[in-house]
């Protein structure tokens, strides 16, 4: 059958190529055609997958441009050791020049080569497994520094020879790095974090769909080995943006080293709980109760006791908080693009558009801006977005966060 494909015959002794007028519309919505040569290679990758030839399947899918399918094999079907062996053999670091530097874009906007894509996926997978320096060699240059900083903070925080408060500050700094750069350093390419889409959307389940034959395949049907492998790969917790819970856990660990009724202890507990309060109120409740019980004599503890939840942390200008410094430094690696304009999918950054998260309203967003260290208020944000309401906003809605001004209120009304 393959002989029936029309070929473009060269005028030399070089092998003929499949006629490139043949193509498949890989995405009817975006009208993204894929040449028949790449399509054939992708089909070969599927054949390798059903034959349990996982490295061969990954190689064919990766080289044919089916990145999401390649990521499924690399992230869920192959073991970390198998993936590392494949990458080291086929996509080693390029000698004699610096490693690739990724664009600050996220998700499907990232212009990466096969080498960059698969090495970066491996780096994050290794970092999720056991956070050590071995993953450093696979991170792109502009993320390797952040990962090295995280490892250094974590090591100092768990050095029992250091004073407790110094350890706590180091652990809390590591927590902030996870919270601010979690998708870039630890995020999964597919479920649950969906780094392939910048963490902004979710696809249908992957291995679950394969297990139930959701797409009604007749030939490419997953067998028991594939499903057992895929179902054993999960994050802790197995929830979207899983690294936020890990950041909160480090903030909790840091607070345990701190004295009661310390403003810094209160700051750690309030910040860690705030990271969870919108997605996991029950998990955040532990932080709230500890904040009131241990730090009732602090400003944050007193306010938390009064309102029965986490207060906003106003920026008073006297002492820039540690998380403010770390978050601001991390923002340049957390941008997506809407047409020709950049926006932030993770943090409401003054002077840029922001993609609203689930169940957020203008008051929540104003407090988030304040936690970054910038004075603002709900009224200021509303004024910058004519027609916007005070209730819950639509998930994914782009709104403008106005540049901070000296006269902005410290707390939202």
Protein backbone atom coordinates (compact mmCIF):
# COMPACT_ATOMS: atom_id res chain seq x y z
CA UNK A 1 0.00 0.00 0.00
CA UNK A 2 2.83 2.40 0.81
CA UNK A 3 4.03 2.12 -2.79
CA UNK A 4 0.79 3.72 -3.96
CA UNK A 5 1.64 7.09 -2.34
CA UNK A 6 2.61 9.59 -5.05
CA UNK A 7 6.27 10.59 -4.93
CA UNK A 8 8.29 13.60 -5.97
CA UNK A 9 11.15 12.08 -7.91
CA UNK A 10 14.42 14.05 -7.82
CA UNK A 11 16.63 14.63 -10.80
CA UNK A 12 19.57 13.03 -8.97
CA UNK A 13 20.21 9.65 -7.39
CA UNK A 14 18.75 10.88 -4.06
CA UNK A 15 15.71 8.96 -2.74
CA UNK A 16 12.31 10.27 -3.75
CA UNK A 17 10.07 12.07 -1.29
CA UNK A 18 6.36 11.75 -0.70
CA UNK A 19 4.53 14.50 -2.57
CA UNK A 20 4.03 17.31 -0.12
CA UNK A 21 0.74 18.28 -1.70
CA UNK A 22 -0.67 15.46 0.43
CA UNK A 23 -1.49 16.60 3.95
CA UNK A 24 -3.80 16.03 6.87
CA UNK A 25 -5.66 18.86 8.61
CA UNK A 26 -4.38 18.11 12.12
CA UNK A 27 -6.57 20.78 13.71
CA UNK A 28 -9.70 21.76 11.75
CA UNK A 29 -10.30 24.74 14.05
CA UNK A 30 -6.88 26.31 13.55
CA UNK A 31 -6.42 24.86 10.03
CA UNK A 32 -3.00 23.47 10.85
CA UNK A 33 -2.01 21.11 8.02
CA UNK A 34 0.61 18.41 8.53
CA UNK A 35 2.52 16.91 5.63
CA UNK A 36 1.92 13.29 4.71
CA UNK A 37 5.51 12.40 5.61
CA UNK A 38 5.05 13.64 9.19
CA UNK A 39 1.63 12.03 9.35
CA UNK A 40 3.07 8.66 8.34
CA UNK A 41 5.76 8.99 11.01
CA UNK A 42 3.10 9.80 13.59
CA UNK A 43 1.12 6.71 12.59
CA UNK A 44 4.30 4.67 12.99
CA UNK A 45 4.60 6.06 16.52
CA UNK A 46 1.10 4.81 17.32
CA UNK A 47 2.03 1.37 15.98
CA UNK A 48 5.10 1.28 18.23
CA UNK A 49 2.93 2.30 21.20
CA UNK A 50 0.49 -0.62 20.84
CA UNK A 51 3.49 -2.93 20.45
CA UNK A 52 4.89 -1.69 23.80
CA UNK A 53 7.91 -0.23 21.99
CA UNK A 54 7.72 2.94 24.04
CA UNK A 55 11.04 4.60 23.22
CA UNK A 56 10.42 4.05 19.51
CA UNK A 57 6.87 5.40 19.89
CA UNK A 58 8.13 8.53 21.64
CA UNK A 59 10.79 9.12 19.00
CA UNK A 60 8.36 8.87 16.09
CA UNK A 61 5.69 11.03 17.75
CA UNK A 62 8.22 13.64 18.81
CA UNK A 63 9.88 13.94 15.42
CA UNK A 64 6.53 14.01 13.59
CA UNK A 65 5.38 17.03 15.58
CA UNK A 66 2.63 15.39 17.62
CA UNK A 67 3.88 16.93 20.84
CA UNK A 68 0.87 16.20 23.04
CA UNK A 69 0.96 12.52 22.09
CA UNK A 70 4.72 12.43 22.57
CA UNK A 71 4.31 14.03 25.99
CA UNK A 72 1.75 11.36 26.93
CA UNK A 73 4.28 8.62 26.22
CA UNK A 74 7.17 10.49 27.84
CA UNK A 75 5.37 11.65 30.95
CA UNK A 76 2.92 8.86 31.68
CA UNK A 77 3.92 5.66 29.91
CA UNK A 78 7.71 5.55 30.18
CA UNK A 79 9.51 5.39 33.50
CA UNK A 80 11.83 8.23 34.44
CA UNK A 81 14.84 5.97 33.90
CA UNK A 82 13.59 4.94 30.45
CA UNK A 83 12.92 8.54 29.46
CA UNK A 84 16.33 9.70 30.69
CA UNK A 85 18.06 6.91 28.75
CA UNK A 86 16.16 7.90 25.60
CA UNK A 87 16.97 11.61 25.98
CA UNK A 88 20.65 11.01 26.74
CA UNK A 89 20.95 8.76 23.71
CA UNK A 90 18.98 10.83 21.21
CA UNK A 91 18.95 14.43 22.47
CA UNK A 92 22.16 15.10 24.44
CA UNK A 93 23.16 18.61 25.43
CA UNK A 94 24.80 20.37 22.51
CA UNK A 95 28.53 20.58 23.11
CA UNK A 96 30.39 23.82 22.58
CA UNK A 97 27.49 26.18 23.13
CA UNK A 98 25.08 27.28 25.84
CA UNK A 99 21.88 25.37 26.37
CA UNK A 100 18.79 26.69 24.68
CA UNK A 101 16.98 29.63 26.27
CA UNK A 102 13.23 29.36 26.19
CA UNK A 103 10.93 32.20 25.32
CA UNK A 104 9.09 33.66 28.36
CA UNK A 105 5.89 32.47 26.72
CA UNK A 106 4.03 29.53 28.19
CA UNK A 107 1.97 26.67 26.86
CA UNK A 108 1.32 26.21 23.16
CA UNK A 109 2.95 29.57 22.40
CA UNK A 110 6.41 28.22 23.27
CA UNK A 111 8.58 27.99 20.14
CA UNK A 112 10.79 25.02 21.00
CA UNK A 113 12.75 22.43 19.11
CA UNK A 114 12.37 18.70 19.75
CA UNK A 115 15.55 18.79 21.82
CA UNK A 116 14.31 21.66 23.99
CA UNK A 117 10.85 20.19 24.48
CA UNK A 118 11.84 16.71 25.54
CA UNK A 119 14.78 17.79 27.73
CA UNK A 120 12.60 20.34 29.49
CA UNK A 121 9.85 17.76 30.10
CA UNK A 122 12.45 15.38 31.55
CA UNK A 123 13.85 18.14 33.79
CA UNK A 124 10.44 18.82 35.36
CA UNK A 125 9.71 15.14 35.77
CA UNK A 126 13.02 14.55 37.53
CA UNK A 127 12.45 17.60 39.73
CA UNK A 128 9.03 16.25 40.76
CA UNK A 129 10.48 12.86 41.62
CA UNK A 130 13.49 13.67 43.78
CA UNK A 131 14.52 17.32 43.86
CA UNK A 132 18.27 17.17 43.29
CA UNK A 133 20.89 18.73 41.07
CA UNK A 134 20.76 15.97 38.45
CA UNK A 135 17.72 17.64 36.89
CA UNK A 136 19.72 20.87 36.45
CA UNK A 137 21.44 19.56 33.32
CA UNK A 138 18.11 19.28 31.50
CA UNK A 139 16.53 22.63 32.38
CA UNK A 140 16.72 25.46 29.85
CA UNK A 141 19.16 28.16 30.90
CA UNK A 142 16.53 30.67 31.97
CA UNK A 143 14.88 28.18 34.34
CA UNK A 144 18.00 26.44 35.62
CA UNK A 145 18.88 29.42 37.83
CA UNK A 146 15.50 29.37 39.54
CA UNK A 147 15.76 25.64 40.12
CA UNK A 148 19.27 26.02 41.54
CA UNK A 149 17.99 28.75 43.84
CA UNK A 150 15.17 26.48 45.02
CA UNK A 151 17.60 23.64 45.78
CA UNK A 152 19.90 25.98 47.71
CA UNK A 153 17.04 27.38 49.78
CA UNK A 154 15.70 23.91 50.49
CA UNK A 155 19.11 22.63 51.53
CA UNK A 156 19.68 25.57 53.89
CA UNK A 157 16.19 25.18 55.32
CA UNK A 158 16.82 21.58 56.25
CA UNK A 159 20.32 22.10 57.61
CA UNK A 160 19.89 21.35 61.31
CA UNK A 161 23.17 23.10 62.07
CA UNK A 162 21.57 26.45 61.16
CA UNK A 163 19.47 28.55 63.59
CA UNK A 164 15.77 27.77 63.41
CA UNK A 165 14.73 31.21 62.17
CA UNK A 166 17.34 31.14 59.40
CA UNK A 167 16.08 27.71 58.37
CA UNK A 168 12.51 28.98 58.40
CA UNK A 169 13.31 31.94 56.13
CA UNK A 170 15.09 29.61 53.70
CA UNK A 171 12.18 27.15 53.63
CA UNK A 172 9.70 29.96 53.14
CA UNK A 173 11.77 31.35 50.27
CA UNK A 174 11.73 27.88 48.70
CA UNK A 175 7.95 27.80 49.16
CA UNK A 176 7.58 31.14 47.37
CA UNK A 177 9.69 29.89 44.46
CA UNK A 178 7.43 26.87 44.09
CA UNK A 179 4.32 29.02 44.25
CA UNK A 180 5.60 31.58 41.75
CA UNK A 181 7.51 29.30 39.35
CA UNK A 182 5.81 26.00 40.06
CA UNK A 183 4.47 25.44 36.54
CA UNK A 184 7.87 26.19 35.00
CA UNK A 185 9.89 24.06 37.46
CA UNK A 186 7.56 21.24 38.52
CA UNK A 187 4.43 21.40 36.38
CA UNK A 188 3.23 18.43 34.36
CA UNK A 189 2.97 18.88 30.61
CA UNK A 190 -0.38 17.07 30.59
CA UNK A 191 -2.73 16.32 33.48
CA UNK A 192 -3.16 17.60 36.12
CA UNK A 193 -1.30 20.91 35.51
CA UNK A 194 -1.53 21.11 31.69
CA UNK A 195 1.74 22.95 31.13
CA UNK A 196 1.26 22.33 27.39
CA UNK A 197 -1.47 24.99 27.61
CA UNK A 198 0.30 27.23 30.08
CA UNK A 199 -1.92 25.86 32.85
CA UNK A 200 -4.86 27.83 31.49
CA UNK A 201 -7.11 25.03 30.24
CA UNK A 202 -7.71 21.31 30.64
CA UNK A 203 -8.10 18.66 27.97
CA UNK A 204 -10.10 15.48 28.21
CA UNK A 205 -8.42 12.85 30.40
CA UNK A 206 -5.52 11.09 28.75
CA UNK A 207 -4.85 7.67 30.23
CA UNK A 208 -8.41 7.49 31.55
CA UNK A 209 -9.68 8.05 28.02
CA UNK A 210 -7.30 5.41 26.72
CA UNK A 211 -8.46 2.97 29.42
CA UNK A 212 -12.15 3.37 28.59
CA UNK A 213 -11.49 3.74 24.86
CA UNK A 214 -13.20 7.12 24.99
CA UNK A 215 -12.35 7.84 21.37
CA UNK A 216 -13.66 4.41 20.19
CA UNK A 217 -10.42 3.26 18.63
CA UNK A 218 -10.53 -0.06 16.80
CA UNK A 219 -6.80 -0.58 16.24
CA UNK A 220 -4.93 1.76 18.59
CA UNK A 221 -6.39 0.34 21.81
CA UNK A 222 -4.39 0.64 25.04
CA UNK A 223 -3.37 -2.64 26.63
CA UNK A 224 -2.95 -3.46 30.32
CA UNK A 225 0.76 -2.62 30.44
CA UNK A 226 0.22 0.90 29.07
CA UNK A 227 -2.66 1.61 31.48
CA UNK A 228 -0.81 0.21 34.49
CA UNK A 229 2.17 2.41 33.68
CA UNK A 230 0.12 5.54 33.01
CA UNK A 231 -2.14 5.18 36.06
CA UNK A 232 0.88 4.85 38.36
CA UNK A 233 2.22 8.30 37.43
CA UNK A 234 0.59 10.91 39.60
CA UNK A 235 1.46 14.09 41.42
CA UNK A 236 1.10 14.76 45.12
CA UNK A 237 -1.64 15.85 45.41
CA UNK A 238 -3.13 14.69 42.14
CA UNK A 239 -4.86 18.02 41.52
CA UNK A 240 -4.47 20.82 39.01
CA UNK A 241 -1.68 23.22 40.05
CA UNK A 242 -0.45 20.53 42.44
CA UNK A 243 2.66 22.55 43.27
CA UNK A 244 0.56 25.10 45.18
CA UNK A 245 -0.09 22.48 47.84
CA UNK A 246 3.62 21.66 47.95
CA UNK A 247 4.41 25.36 48.38
CA UNK A 248 1.92 25.57 51.24
CA UNK A 249 3.47 22.48 52.86
CA UNK A 250 6.88 24.16 52.85
CA UNK A 251 5.39 27.34 54.31
CA UNK A 252 3.87 25.22 57.08
CA UNK A 253 7.22 23.50 57.70
CA UNK A 254 8.88 26.92 57.93
CA UNK A 255 6.31 28.21 60.42
CA UNK A 256 6.92 25.24 62.72
CA UNK A 257 10.47 26.50 63.28
CA UNK A 258 9.31 29.98 64.27
CA UNK A 259 8.25 31.32 67.69
CA UNK A 260 4.63 32.09 68.52
CA UNK A 261 3.31 35.64 68.25
CA UNK A 262 5.99 36.63 65.76
CA UNK A 263 4.96 38.82 62.85
CA UNK A 264 7.11 36.67 60.57
CA UNK A 265 5.41 33.48 61.81
CA UNK A 266 2.04 35.08 61.15
CA UNK A 267 3.19 36.12 57.68
CA UNK A 268 4.22 32.56 56.82
CA UNK A 269 0.98 31.03 58.06
CA UNK A 270 -1.21 33.67 56.44
CA UNK A 271 0.59 33.45 53.10
CA UNK A 272 0.61 29.65 53.02
CA UNK A 273 -3.09 29.50 53.85
CA UNK A 274 -3.93 32.16 51.29
CA UNK A 275 -2.34 30.01 48.58
CA UNK A 276 -4.92 27.30 49.32
CA UNK A 277 -8.01 29.15 50.48
CA UNK A 278 -9.69 29.48 47.08
CA UNK A 279 -9.09 25.91 45.87
CA UNK A 280 -8.90 23.97 49.13
CA UNK A 281 -10.64 25.80 52.01
CA UNK A 282 -10.40 22.72 54.22
CA UNK A 283 -6.64 22.52 53.73
CA UNK A 284 -6.31 26.26 54.30
CA UNK A 285 -8.28 25.99 57.54
CA UNK A 286 -5.27 24.39 59.24
CA UNK A 287 -3.24 27.51 58.50
CA UNK A 288 -6.03 29.81 59.68
CA UNK A 289 -6.42 28.00 63.00
CA UNK A 290 -2.67 27.99 63.58
CA UNK A 291 -2.51 31.70 62.72
CA UNK A 292 -5.16 32.52 65.35
CA UNK A 293 -3.92 30.06 67.96
CA UNK A 294 -0.21 30.81 67.69
CA UNK A 295 -0.16 34.44 66.58
CA UNK A 296 -3.23 36.07 68.09
CA UNK A 297 -1.10 38.94 69.43
CA UNK A 298 0.19 39.87 65.96
CA UNK A 299 -1.56 42.23 63.57
CA UNK A 300 -2.38 39.45 61.11
CA UNK A 301 -3.46 37.05 63.85
CA UNK A 302 -5.71 39.62 65.48
CA UNK A 303 -7.34 40.50 62.16
CA UNK A 304 -7.77 36.81 61.24
CA UNK A 305 -9.50 36.19 64.56
CA UNK A 306 -11.78 39.16 63.94
CA UNK A 307 -12.89 38.27 60.40
CA UNK A 308 -12.68 34.49 60.94
CA UNK A 309 -10.50 33.96 57.87
CA UNK A 310 -7.32 35.21 56.21
CA UNK A 311 -6.87 38.97 56.13
CA UNK A 312 -5.24 40.84 53.25
CA UNK A 313 -1.59 41.59 53.85
CA UNK A 314 -1.27 45.32 53.18
CA UNK A 315 1.99 46.64 51.84
CA UNK A 316 3.05 49.36 54.24
CA UNK A 317 6.25 50.33 52.44
CA UNK A 318 8.39 49.92 55.55
CA UNK A 319 9.63 46.39 54.96
CA UNK A 320 9.32 44.69 51.58
CA UNK A 321 8.23 41.15 52.34
CA UNK A 322 10.39 38.28 51.22
CA UNK A 323 7.67 36.89 48.96
CA UNK A 324 7.29 40.29 47.28
CA UNK A 325 10.95 40.28 46.25
CA UNK A 326 10.88 36.67 45.06
CA UNK A 327 7.57 36.98 43.20
CA UNK A 328 8.60 40.14 41.38
CA UNK A 329 11.82 38.47 40.24
CA UNK A 330 9.89 35.45 38.98
CA UNK A 331 7.21 37.26 36.98
CA UNK A 332 9.21 37.53 33.77
CA UNK A 333 9.03 33.73 33.41
CA UNK A 334 5.24 33.62 33.83
CA UNK A 335 3.83 35.32 30.73
CA UNK A 336 1.46 34.24 27.97
CA UNK A 337 0.30 36.08 24.88
CA UNK A 338 -3.04 37.37 23.64
CA UNK A 339 -2.41 38.37 20.04
CA UNK A 340 0.50 40.78 20.19
CA UNK A 341 0.03 41.55 23.88
CA UNK A 342 1.53 39.71 26.85
CA UNK A 343 -0.51 38.89 29.92
CA UNK A 344 0.01 36.96 33.15
CA UNK A 345 -1.81 33.64 33.64
CA UNK A 346 -0.61 33.26 37.24
CA UNK A 347 -0.35 36.64 38.97
CA UNK A 348 -2.14 39.99 38.64
CA UNK A 349 0.86 42.14 37.74
CA UNK A 350 0.41 45.94 37.64
CA UNK A 351 0.71 47.31 34.13
CA UNK A 352 -0.32 44.04 32.43
CA UNK A 353 -3.45 42.09 31.65
CA UNK A 354 -4.32 39.18 33.92
CA UNK A 355 -6.22 35.96 33.17
CA UNK A 356 -8.85 35.56 35.89
CA UNK A 357 -8.83 32.28 37.81
CA UNK A 358 -11.87 30.27 38.83
CA UNK A 359 -14.15 31.91 41.47
CA UNK A 360 -12.14 35.16 41.60
CA UNK A 361 -13.75 38.57 41.98
CA UNK A 362 -12.24 42.04 41.95
CA UNK A 363 -11.64 42.00 45.71
CA UNK A 364 -9.67 38.73 45.58
CA UNK A 365 -7.60 40.10 42.69
CA UNK A 366 -6.94 43.39 44.49
CA UNK A 367 -5.66 41.52 47.53
CA UNK A 368 -3.44 39.38 45.30
CA UNK A 369 -1.89 42.55 43.83
CA UNK A 370 -1.26 43.82 47.36
CA UNK A 371 0.45 40.55 48.30
CA UNK A 372 2.85 41.15 45.44
CA UNK A 373 3.79 44.38 47.18
CA UNK A 374 1.86 46.92 45.10
CA UNK A 375 -0.79 49.29 46.51
CA UNK A 376 -4.17 49.11 44.79
CA UNK A 377 -7.87 48.68 45.52
CA UNK A 378 -10.96 47.08 44.02
CA UNK A 379 -12.18 50.49 42.85
CA UNK A 380 -8.92 51.20 41.01
CA UNK A 381 -9.14 47.89 39.12
CA UNK A 382 -12.83 48.46 38.32
CA UNK A 383 -12.04 51.92 36.94
CA UNK A 384 -9.38 50.44 34.65
CA UNK A 385 -11.90 47.92 33.28
CA UNK A 386 -15.10 49.75 32.24
CA UNK A 387 -18.15 47.53 32.45
CA UNK A 388 -16.58 45.00 34.82
CA UNK A 389 -18.82 43.92 37.72
CA UNK A 390 -18.00 43.37 41.38
CA UNK A 391 -19.24 39.76 41.44
CA UNK A 392 -17.40 36.57 40.47
CA UNK A 393 -15.67 37.02 37.12
CA UNK A 394 -15.46 34.53 34.30
CA UNK A 395 -12.57 32.07 34.44
CA UNK A 396 -10.03 33.00 31.76
CA UNK A 397 -11.39 36.55 31.36
CA UNK A 398 -8.61 39.02 30.61
CA UNK A 399 -8.69 42.18 32.71
CA UNK A 400 -6.24 45.06 33.00
CA UNK A 401 -4.32 45.50 36.23
CA UNK A 402 -3.45 49.22 36.27
CA UNK A 403 0.09 50.30 37.04
CA UNK A 404 0.60 50.98 40.74
CA UNK A 405 0.43 54.62 41.78
CA UNK A 406 1.58 56.30 44.93
CA UNK A 407 -1.95 57.38 45.86
CA UNK A 408 -3.52 53.93 45.60
CA UNK A 409 -5.28 52.58 48.63
CA UNK A 410 -3.54 49.89 50.62
CA UNK A 411 -6.62 47.72 51.01
CA UNK A 412 -9.62 47.06 48.77
CA UNK A 413 -12.91 48.58 49.80
